[in-house]
Amino acid sequence: MLKGKTVLLGVTGGIAAYKAAYLASALVKLHANVEVVMTQHATQFIAPLTFEQLTGNRCMVDTFDRNFAHQVEHIALADRTDLVLIAPATANVCAKLAHGLADDMLTTTVLACICPKLIAPAMNTHMLENPVTQDNLDLLRHYGWEVISPASGRLACGAVGSGKLPEPDLLIQHILRAIALPHDLTGKKVLVTAGPTQEALDPVRYLTNHSSGKMGYAIAKTAMLRGAQVTLVSGPTSISPPPFVEVVEVVSAQDMFQAVTSRQEQADFIFKAAAVADYTPADYSDDKVKKREGDLSIPLKRTQDILKHLGEHRRPDQIICGFSMETRDMLENSRVKLEKKNVDMICANNLKVDGAGFGVDTNVITLITRDRVEELPLLSKEAAAGRILDRAIALAGQA
């Protein structure tokens, strides 16, 4: 996801410097070009050679190193950098950066960078909580830095509290959010539904379907990476929630109706990818229903139609996208749904097409709007999410 991107990883003199090696390796696996700049103190904790082996690039420490090509190296590096992350960042380096001091290769280079800048403070809890440090972190935020909150736990000094460097996987997520995709949804609010609903018969049993939630989760994650403020209303799934997304967990169709309709007015884009039950038991038993002879039918009643409600109560500038899974007459049924529900787009697929069923990591989607039908090839659900968002953004531009 980071092919063609250059990440400047700044490593300062804290015990958590060893985690930066894992971070550099993970960035390389995402096809980023990783340039590591260390402070002299950092070299006491981990050798520059480690980063050189991991990244394939020379690790920079000394501002006056003469082994570079004839150029002002810190300026050249700043010019080609897409993102700066300093991890770990000591209290000393936070203070220097907050006040524009540039007395080594790292601070000099970073001062010349005009790209997104992230910093992950890692230090003793009392140092972190010191008002001077907190003021410096506030100053960094004022000057456009994203300060990644430290984790809590047992620190190397033996203290227990805040000040740990977050795990590399979380730092990677911050980087991806900052530069993985164009931020063409910045300032927009996106509401996504995903997963199945469960309609209880009694305390033990419920009616549901095979939806995994993967398509909706992919849309939520991709919209977040494109700069949107995302709310994901999710039925019960086994998927880890996407980072930086507000997740609202629901169980029944009625739960989902209330969660979605109460948030509709604020949303600029709505993607209703959840497989919501059309019917729910007419009666709920407080006790487990026992086996019995004779009539085994279960009386059902209709659930509230969420997509229809959204279409009837939409804002004029709102883009609403529904989903349609069919086993036959996909185009005809989906066109009817588009008009009947008063929405802008239907993402349709056929359960019988290879790669488009429940629980898989791919999908074969047809995007249906009032003026066109676009058949997408077999794609990963993340790639399909990108194409769906592209079309929704185009529709918003036509509105």
Protein backbone atom coordinates (compact mmCIF):
# COMPACT_ATOMS: atom_id res chain seq x y z
CA MET A 1 0.00 0.00 0.00
CA LEU A 2 3.01 2.31 0.30
CA LYS A 3 4.70 1.66 -3.03
CA GLY A 4 6.38 4.81 -4.27
CA LYS A 5 6.25 6.46 -0.83
CA THR A 6 9.32 7.50 1.16
CA VAL A 7 9.02 7.32 4.95
CA LEU A 8 11.63 9.06 7.08
CA LEU A 9 11.89 7.09 10.32
CA GLY A 10 13.57 9.07 13.09
CA VAL A 11 14.98 7.00 15.96
CA THR A 12 16.05 8.65 19.20
CA GLY A 13 17.85 7.45 22.31
CA GLY A 14 15.33 5.43 24.27
CA ILE A 15 15.14 1.75 25.16
CA ALA A 16 12.14 1.40 22.82
CA ALA A 17 14.48 2.00 19.87
CA TYR A 18 14.53 -1.77 19.28
CA LYS A 19 10.88 -1.59 18.20
CA ALA A 20 11.88 0.74 15.39
CA ALA A 21 13.64 -2.18 13.71
CA TYR A 22 10.36 -4.10 13.55
CA LEU A 23 8.66 -0.97 12.26
CA ALA A 24 11.25 -0.46 9.51
CA SER A 25 10.90 -4.09 8.43
CA ALA A 26 7.10 -3.82 8.30
CA LEU A 27 7.28 -0.65 6.20
CA VAL A 28 9.61 -2.35 3.71
CA LYS A 29 7.12 -5.23 3.41
CA LEU A 30 4.50 -2.62 2.46
CA HIS A 31 6.88 -1.54 -0.34
CA ALA A 32 7.82 1.79 1.24
CA ASN A 33 11.24 3.33 0.75
CA VAL A 34 12.45 3.73 4.33
CA GLU A 35 15.12 6.26 5.23
CA VAL A 36 16.31 6.02 8.84
CA VAL A 37 17.89 8.95 10.67
CA MET A 38 19.21 8.30 14.16
CA THR A 39 20.45 10.52 16.94
CA GLN A 40 23.87 9.74 18.38
CA HIS A 41 22.20 8.58 21.60
CA ALA A 42 20.04 6.14 19.66
CA THR A 43 23.14 4.34 18.38
CA GLN A 44 23.84 3.32 21.98
CA PHE A 45 20.67 1.23 21.94
CA ILE A 46 20.66 -0.19 18.40
CA ALA A 47 23.27 -0.19 15.65
CA PRO A 48 22.78 1.75 12.40
CA LEU A 49 23.81 -1.39 10.53
CA THR A 50 20.58 -3.05 11.67
CA PHE A 51 18.50 -0.47 9.82
CA GLU A 52 20.78 -0.55 6.79
CA GLN A 53 20.27 -4.29 6.46
CA LEU A 54 16.50 -3.97 6.87
CA THR A 55 15.94 -1.03 4.52
CA GLY A 56 18.73 -1.27 1.98
CA ASN A 57 19.50 2.41 2.59
CA ARG A 58 22.36 4.09 4.41
CA CYS A 59 21.36 5.01 7.97
CA MET A 60 22.14 8.65 8.67
CA VAL A 61 23.48 9.93 11.98
CA ASP A 62 26.12 12.59 11.37
CA THR A 63 25.15 15.88 9.73
CA PHE A 64 28.74 16.29 8.52
CA ASP A 65 29.21 12.81 7.07
CA ARG A 66 31.27 13.26 3.87
CA ASN A 67 30.34 9.90 2.33
CA PHE A 68 27.24 11.24 0.58
CA ALA A 69 26.94 12.36 -3.02
CA HIS A 70 27.64 16.07 -3.55
CA GLN A 71 24.39 17.59 -2.26
CA VAL A 72 23.04 19.10 0.91
CA GLU A 73 21.93 15.74 2.22
CA HIS A 74 19.42 16.77 4.87
CA ILE A 75 17.66 19.06 2.38
CA ALA A 76 17.66 16.40 -0.36
CA LEU A 77 16.20 13.87 2.05
CA ALA A 78 13.55 16.32 3.26
CA ASP A 79 12.51 17.04 -0.33
CA ARG A 80 11.91 13.38 -1.20
CA THR A 81 10.15 12.43 2.04
CA ASP A 82 6.39 11.76 1.99
CA LEU A 83 6.01 11.28 5.74
CA VAL A 84 8.09 11.68 8.89
CA LEU A 85 7.63 9.40 11.89
CA ILE A 86 9.81 9.76 14.96
CA ALA A 87 9.53 6.61 17.05
CA PRO A 88 10.56 6.48 19.77
CA ALA A 89 10.74 10.19 20.54
CA THR A 90 12.50 11.17 23.76
CA ALA A 91 11.47 14.14 25.88
CA ASN A 92 14.62 15.91 24.71
CA VAL A 93 13.85 15.54 21.01
CA CYS A 94 10.20 16.52 21.55
CA ALA A 95 11.42 19.70 23.24
CA LYS A 96 13.89 20.51 20.45
CA LEU A 97 11.36 19.97 17.67
CA ALA A 98 8.69 21.99 19.47
CA HIS A 99 11.03 24.97 19.62
CA GLY A 100 12.64 24.64 16.19
CA LEU A 101 16.10 23.64 17.39
CA ALA A 102 18.21 21.89 14.77
CA ASP A 103 21.52 20.68 16.19
CA ASP A 104 21.85 17.20 14.66
CA MET A 105 21.01 15.32 11.46
CA LEU A 106 17.51 14.32 12.61
CA THR A 107 16.24 17.70 13.82
CA THR A 108 17.89 19.53 10.92
CA THR A 109 16.27 17.25 8.37
CA VAL A 110 12.84 17.30 9.99
CA LEU A 111 12.85 21.10 10.21
CA ALA A 112 13.16 21.14 6.41
CA CYS A 113 10.30 18.67 5.82
CA ILE A 114 6.93 19.99 4.66
CA CYS A 115 5.20 16.59 4.54
CA PRO A 116 2.93 15.06 7.21
CA LYS A 117 4.82 14.57 10.48
CA LEU A 118 4.03 12.04 13.21
CA ILE A 119 5.73 11.65 16.55
CA ALA A 120 5.44 8.83 19.10
CA PRO A 121 6.72 9.94 22.54
CA ALA A 122 8.18 7.18 24.70
CA MET A 123 9.63 7.90 28.13
CA ASN A 124 9.21 7.51 31.88
CA THR A 125 5.68 8.28 33.07
CA HIS A 126 6.75 11.22 35.26
CA MET A 127 8.76 12.72 32.39
CA LEU A 128 5.74 12.36 30.10
CA GLU A 129 3.37 13.91 32.62
CA ASN A 130 5.70 16.80 33.43
CA PRO A 131 3.91 20.04 32.43
CA VAL A 132 6.92 21.09 30.35
CA THR A 133 6.69 17.92 28.26
CA GLN A 134 2.94 18.30 27.90
CA ASP A 135 3.38 21.90 26.78
CA ASN A 136 5.95 20.77 24.21
CA LEU A 137 3.57 18.13 22.85
CA ASP A 138 0.82 20.75 22.61
CA LEU A 139 3.22 22.99 20.71
CA LEU A 140 3.98 20.17 18.28
CA ARG A 141 0.25 19.72 17.68
CA HIS A 142 -0.05 23.48 17.14
CA TYR A 143 2.62 23.28 14.46
CA GLY A 144 0.86 20.46 12.64
CA TRP A 145 2.41 17.34 14.14
CA GLU A 146 0.25 14.33 14.90
CA VAL A 147 1.21 13.15 18.38
CA ILE A 148 0.58 9.41 18.78
CA SER A 149 -0.48 8.70 22.34
CA PRO A 150 1.87 6.42 24.29
CA ALA A 151 0.66 3.03 25.48
CA SER A 152 0.38 2.14 29.16
CA GLY A 153 2.01 -0.73 31.00
CA ARG A 154 5.25 -1.68 32.71
CA LEU A 155 8.10 0.53 31.51
CA ALA A 156 11.75 -0.46 31.17
CA CYS A 157 12.58 1.59 34.25
CA GLY A 158 10.21 -0.58 36.29
CA ALA A 159 7.47 2.03 36.65
CA VAL A 160 3.92 1.21 35.62
CA GLY A 161 1.98 3.83 33.68
CA SER A 162 1.80 5.71 30.40
CA GLY A 163 4.93 6.16 28.31
CA LYS A 164 5.42 2.94 26.34
CA LEU A 165 5.98 3.13 22.59
CA PRO A 166 2.88 1.69 20.86
CA GLU A 167 3.38 -1.57 19.00
CA PRO A 168 4.66 -1.31 15.41
CA ASP A 169 1.34 -2.51 13.95
CA LEU A 170 -0.47 0.50 15.43
CA LEU A 171 2.23 2.89 14.23
CA ILE A 172 1.85 1.39 10.75
CA GLN A 173 -1.88 2.13 10.87
CA HIS A 174 -1.16 5.79 11.62
CA ILE A 175 1.19 5.92 8.63
CA LEU A 176 -1.33 4.26 6.32
CA ARG A 177 -4.05 6.67 7.38
CA ALA A 178 -1.75 9.59 6.62
CA ILE A 179 -0.38 8.67 3.18
CA ALA A 180 -1.63 5.33 1.82
CA LEU A 181 -4.45 6.81 -0.29
CA PRO A 182 -5.46 10.24 -1.62
CA HIS A 183 -7.59 12.12 0.93
CA ASP A 184 -10.49 12.89 -1.39
CA LEU A 185 -13.01 12.34 1.42
CA THR A 186 -11.47 14.78 3.88
CA GLY A 187 -14.21 16.65 5.74
CA LYS A 188 -16.88 14.10 4.77
CA LYS A 189 -18.85 11.90 7.15
CA VAL A 190 -19.42 8.34 6.00
CA LEU A 191 -21.91 5.92 7.55
CA VAL A 192 -21.48 2.20 6.78
CA THR A 193 -23.46 -0.83 7.87
CA ALA A 194 -21.98 -4.33 7.85
CA GLY A 195 -22.54 -7.90 8.93
CA PRO A 196 -25.66 -9.91 9.73
CA THR A 197 -28.39 -9.32 12.25
CA GLN A 198 -29.62 -11.87 14.77
CA GLU A 199 -33.36 -12.19 15.43
CA ALA A 200 -33.92 -13.93 18.74
CA LEU A 201 -36.49 -16.73 19.12
CA ASP A 202 -35.69 -17.38 22.77
CA PRO A 203 -32.63 -16.93 25.04
CA VAL A 204 -30.84 -19.72 23.14
CA ARG A 205 -31.79 -19.51 19.45
CA TYR A 206 -31.92 -16.85 16.76
CA LEU A 207 -32.45 -16.46 13.03
CA THR A 208 -29.54 -15.06 11.02
CA ASN A 209 -27.64 -15.36 7.72
CA HIS A 210 -24.13 -16.11 6.43
CA SER A 211 -22.90 -12.52 6.11
CA SER A 212 -19.32 -12.10 7.38
CA GLY A 213 -19.30 -8.29 7.26
CA LYS A 214 -16.10 -8.22 5.20
CA MET A 215 -17.47 -5.98 2.43
CA GLY A 216 -18.80 -3.35 4.81
CA TYR A 217 -15.64 -3.39 6.90
CA ALA A 218 -13.56 -2.93 3.73
CA ILE A 219 -15.62 0.11 2.75
CA ALA A 220 -15.29 1.60 6.23
CA LYS A 221 -11.52 1.09 6.30
CA THR A 222 -10.99 2.43 2.77
CA ALA A 223 -13.13 5.51 3.45
CA MET A 224 -11.08 6.16 6.60
CA LEU A 225 -7.83 5.87 4.62
CA ARG A 226 -9.25 8.39 2.16
CA GLY A 227 -9.76 10.95 4.91
CA ALA A 228 -13.39 10.48 5.91
CA GLN A 229 -14.83 10.50 9.41
CA VAL A 230 -16.37 7.03 9.45
CA THR A 231 -19.07 5.43 11.59
CA LEU A 232 -19.52 1.68 11.16
CA VAL A 233 -22.75 0.12 12.43
CA SER A 234 -21.96 -3.56 12.66
CA GLY A 235 -23.92 -6.69 13.38
CA PRO A 236 -22.15 -9.58 15.14
CA THR A 237 -18.93 -10.50 13.28
CA SER A 238 -15.54 -12.02 14.05
CA ILE A 239 -13.65 -9.23 12.24
CA SER A 240 -11.34 -6.87 14.12
CA PRO A 241 -12.70 -3.31 13.88
CA PRO A 242 -10.88 -0.99 11.47
CA PRO A 243 -8.64 1.54 13.25
CA PHE A 244 -9.72 5.17 13.57
CA VAL A 245 -13.37 4.24 12.88
CA GLU A 246 -16.27 4.69 15.30
CA VAL A 247 -17.86 1.25 15.62
CA VAL A 248 -21.45 0.89 16.84
CA GLU A 249 -22.22 -2.73 17.68
CA VAL A 250 -25.80 -3.93 17.22
CA VAL A 251 -27.53 -7.30 17.22
CA SER A 252 -31.04 -7.19 15.79
CA ALA A 253 -32.56 -5.49 12.76
CA GLN A 254 -34.39 -3.11 15.10
CA ASP A 255 -31.11 -2.24 16.82
CA MET A 256 -29.58 -1.46 13.45
CA PHE A 257 -32.58 0.60 12.36
CA GLN A 258 -32.29 2.79 15.43
CA ALA A 259 -28.49 3.14 15.18
CA VAL A 260 -28.57 4.07 11.49
CA THR A 261 -31.58 6.38 11.42
CA SER A 262 -30.35 8.33 14.46
CA ARG A 263 -27.10 9.06 12.57
CA GLN A 264 -28.49 9.57 9.07
CA GLU A 265 -28.79 13.34 9.14
CA GLN A 266 -25.06 13.90 9.78
CA ALA A 267 -23.83 11.54 7.03
CA ASP A 268 -22.67 12.74 3.61
CA PHE A 269 -22.37 9.18 2.27
CA ILE A 270 -24.25 6.09 3.42
CA PHE A 271 -23.23 2.56 2.37
CA LYS A 272 -25.72 -0.01 3.59
CA ALA A 273 -23.76 -3.23 3.15
CA ALA A 274 -25.29 -5.12 6.09
CA ALA A 275 -27.40 -8.21 5.45
CA VAL A 276 -30.37 -7.18 7.57
CA ALA A 277 -33.06 -9.73 8.31
CA ASP A 278 -36.32 -9.06 6.44
CA TYR A 279 -38.30 -10.98 9.06
CA THR A 280 -38.12 -11.43 12.80
CA PRO A 281 -40.06 -13.81 15.11
CA ALA A 282 -43.50 -12.44 15.92
CA ASP A 283 -43.14 -13.61 19.50
CA TYR A 284 -40.12 -13.94 21.78
CA SER A 285 -40.09 -16.59 24.47
CA ASP A 286 -38.43 -15.69 27.76
CA ASP A 287 -37.69 -19.37 28.28
CA LYS A 288 -36.09 -21.89 25.96
CA VAL A 289 -38.69 -23.36 23.63
CA LYS A 290 -38.81 -27.13 24.21
CA LYS A 291 -39.15 -29.81 21.57
CA ARG A 292 -42.73 -30.60 20.78
CA GLU A 293 -44.84 -32.60 18.37
CA GLY A 294 -47.32 -31.14 15.95
CA ASP A 295 -47.11 -27.65 14.44
CA LEU A 296 -43.45 -26.57 14.25
CA SER A 297 -44.01 -23.32 12.38
CA ILE A 298 -42.51 -20.07 13.63
CA PRO A 299 -44.73 -17.00 13.12
CA LEU A 300 -42.73 -14.10 11.64
CA LYS A 301 -43.29 -10.39 11.10
CA ARG A 302 -41.57 -7.88 8.83
CA THR A 303 -38.68 -5.82 10.13
CA GLN A 304 -38.45 -2.12 9.40
CA ASP A 305 -36.91 -1.42 5.98
CA ILE A 306 -33.81 0.63 6.78
CA LEU A 307 -32.85 1.46 3.18
CA LYS A 308 -36.40 2.55 2.32
CA HIS A 309 -36.48 4.80 5.40
CA LEU A 310 -33.14 6.35 4.43
CA GLY A 311 -34.40 7.07 0.91
CA GLU A 312 -37.59 8.64 2.20
CA HIS A 313 -35.82 10.89 4.73
CA ARG A 314 -32.66 11.75 2.83
CA ARG A 315 -30.87 15.06 2.68
CA PRO A 316 -30.87 16.48 -0.87
CA ASP A 317 -27.06 16.39 -1.01
CA GLN A 318 -26.73 12.91 0.49
CA ILE A 319 -25.39 9.92 -1.48
CA ILE A 320 -27.00 6.63 -0.48
CA CYS A 321 -25.74 3.27 -1.68
CA GLY A 322 -27.58 0.00 -1.11
CA PHE A 323 -26.45 -3.58 -1.69
CA SER A 324 -28.27 -6.37 -3.42
CA MET A 325 -27.31 -10.04 -3.29
CA GLU A 326 -29.32 -12.15 -5.72
CA THR A 327 -29.37 -15.67 -7.05
CA ARG A 328 -31.22 -14.82 -10.28
CA ASP A 329 -32.44 -11.78 -12.28
CA MET A 330 -29.80 -9.66 -10.54
CA LEU A 331 -29.97 -6.61 -12.80
CA GLU A 332 -33.74 -6.49 -12.99
CA ASN A 333 -34.23 -6.92 -9.24
CA SER A 334 -31.53 -4.39 -8.43
CA ARG A 335 -32.96 -1.74 -10.76
CA VAL A 336 -36.33 -2.15 -9.06
CA LYS A 337 -34.64 -1.75 -5.68
CA LEU A 338 -32.83 1.40 -6.84
CA GLU A 339 -36.09 3.12 -7.79
CA LYS A 340 -38.26 1.74 -5.02
CA LYS A 341 -35.85 2.70 -2.26
CA ASN A 342 -34.98 6.11 -3.79
CA VAL A 343 -31.21 5.63 -3.53
CA ASP A 344 -28.34 6.66 -5.79
CA MET A 345 -26.58 3.36 -6.36
CA ILE A 346 -27.02 -0.36 -5.86
CA CYS A 347 -23.98 -2.62 -5.56
CA ALA A 348 -25.27 -5.94 -6.85
CA ASN A 349 -23.74 -9.38 -6.87
CA ASN A 350 -24.88 -12.90 -7.59
CA LEU A 351 -24.34 -15.48 -4.87
CA LYS A 352 -23.84 -18.18 -7.53
CA VAL A 353 -20.87 -16.42 -9.17
CA ASP A 354 -17.47 -17.76 -8.09
CA GLY A 355 -15.72 -15.32 -5.76
CA ALA A 356 -18.85 -13.36 -4.88
CA GLY A 357 -20.33 -15.40 -2.04
CA PHE A 358 -20.46 -14.95 1.71
CA GLY A 359 -17.28 -15.08 3.78
CA VAL A 360 -14.73 -14.84 0.96
CA ASP A 361 -12.11 -12.12 0.50
CA THR A 362 -13.18 -11.27 -3.06
CA ASN A 363 -16.29 -9.96 -4.74
CA VAL A 364 -17.78 -9.56 -8.22
CA ILE A 365 -19.90 -6.43 -8.10
CA THR A 366 -22.06 -4.59 -10.61
CA LEU A 367 -22.58 -0.89 -9.84
CA ILE A 368 -26.06 0.20 -10.88
CA THR A 369 -27.09 3.85 -11.04
CA ARG A 370 -29.91 5.55 -12.90
CA ASP A 371 -27.78 6.31 -15.94
CA ARG A 372 -25.27 3.47 -16.14
CA VAL A 373 -24.37 -0.12 -15.27
CA GLU A 374 -20.70 -0.86 -14.53
CA GLU A 375 -19.62 -4.47 -14.18
CA LEU A 376 -16.50 -4.82 -12.07
CA PRO A 377 -14.15 -7.79 -12.46
CA LEU A 378 -13.25 -10.19 -9.67
CA LEU A 379 -11.55 -7.99 -7.07
CA SER A 380 -10.44 -8.18 -3.49
CA LYS A 381 -13.01 -6.62 -1.22
CA GLU A 382 -10.60 -3.78 -0.45
CA ALA A 383 -10.16 -3.05 -4.17
CA ALA A 384 -13.92 -3.33 -4.72
CA ALA A 385 -14.47 -0.89 -1.85
CA GLY A 386 -12.20 1.59 -3.61
CA ARG A 387 -14.20 1.32 -6.84
CA ILE A 388 -17.49 1.75 -4.96
CA LEU A 389 -16.18 4.87 -3.24
CA ASP A 390 -14.89 6.24 -6.56
CA ARG A 391 -18.35 5.95 -8.06
CA ALA A 392 -20.06 7.45 -5.01
CA ILE A 393 -17.70 10.45 -5.06
CA ALA A 394 -18.41 10.91 -8.77
CA LEU A 395 -22.15 10.86 -8.06
CA ALA A 396 -21.67 13.49 -5.35
CA GLY A 397 -19.89 15.67 -7.89
CA GLN A 398 -22.86 15.42 -10.24
CA ALA A 399 -25.40 16.29 -7.56
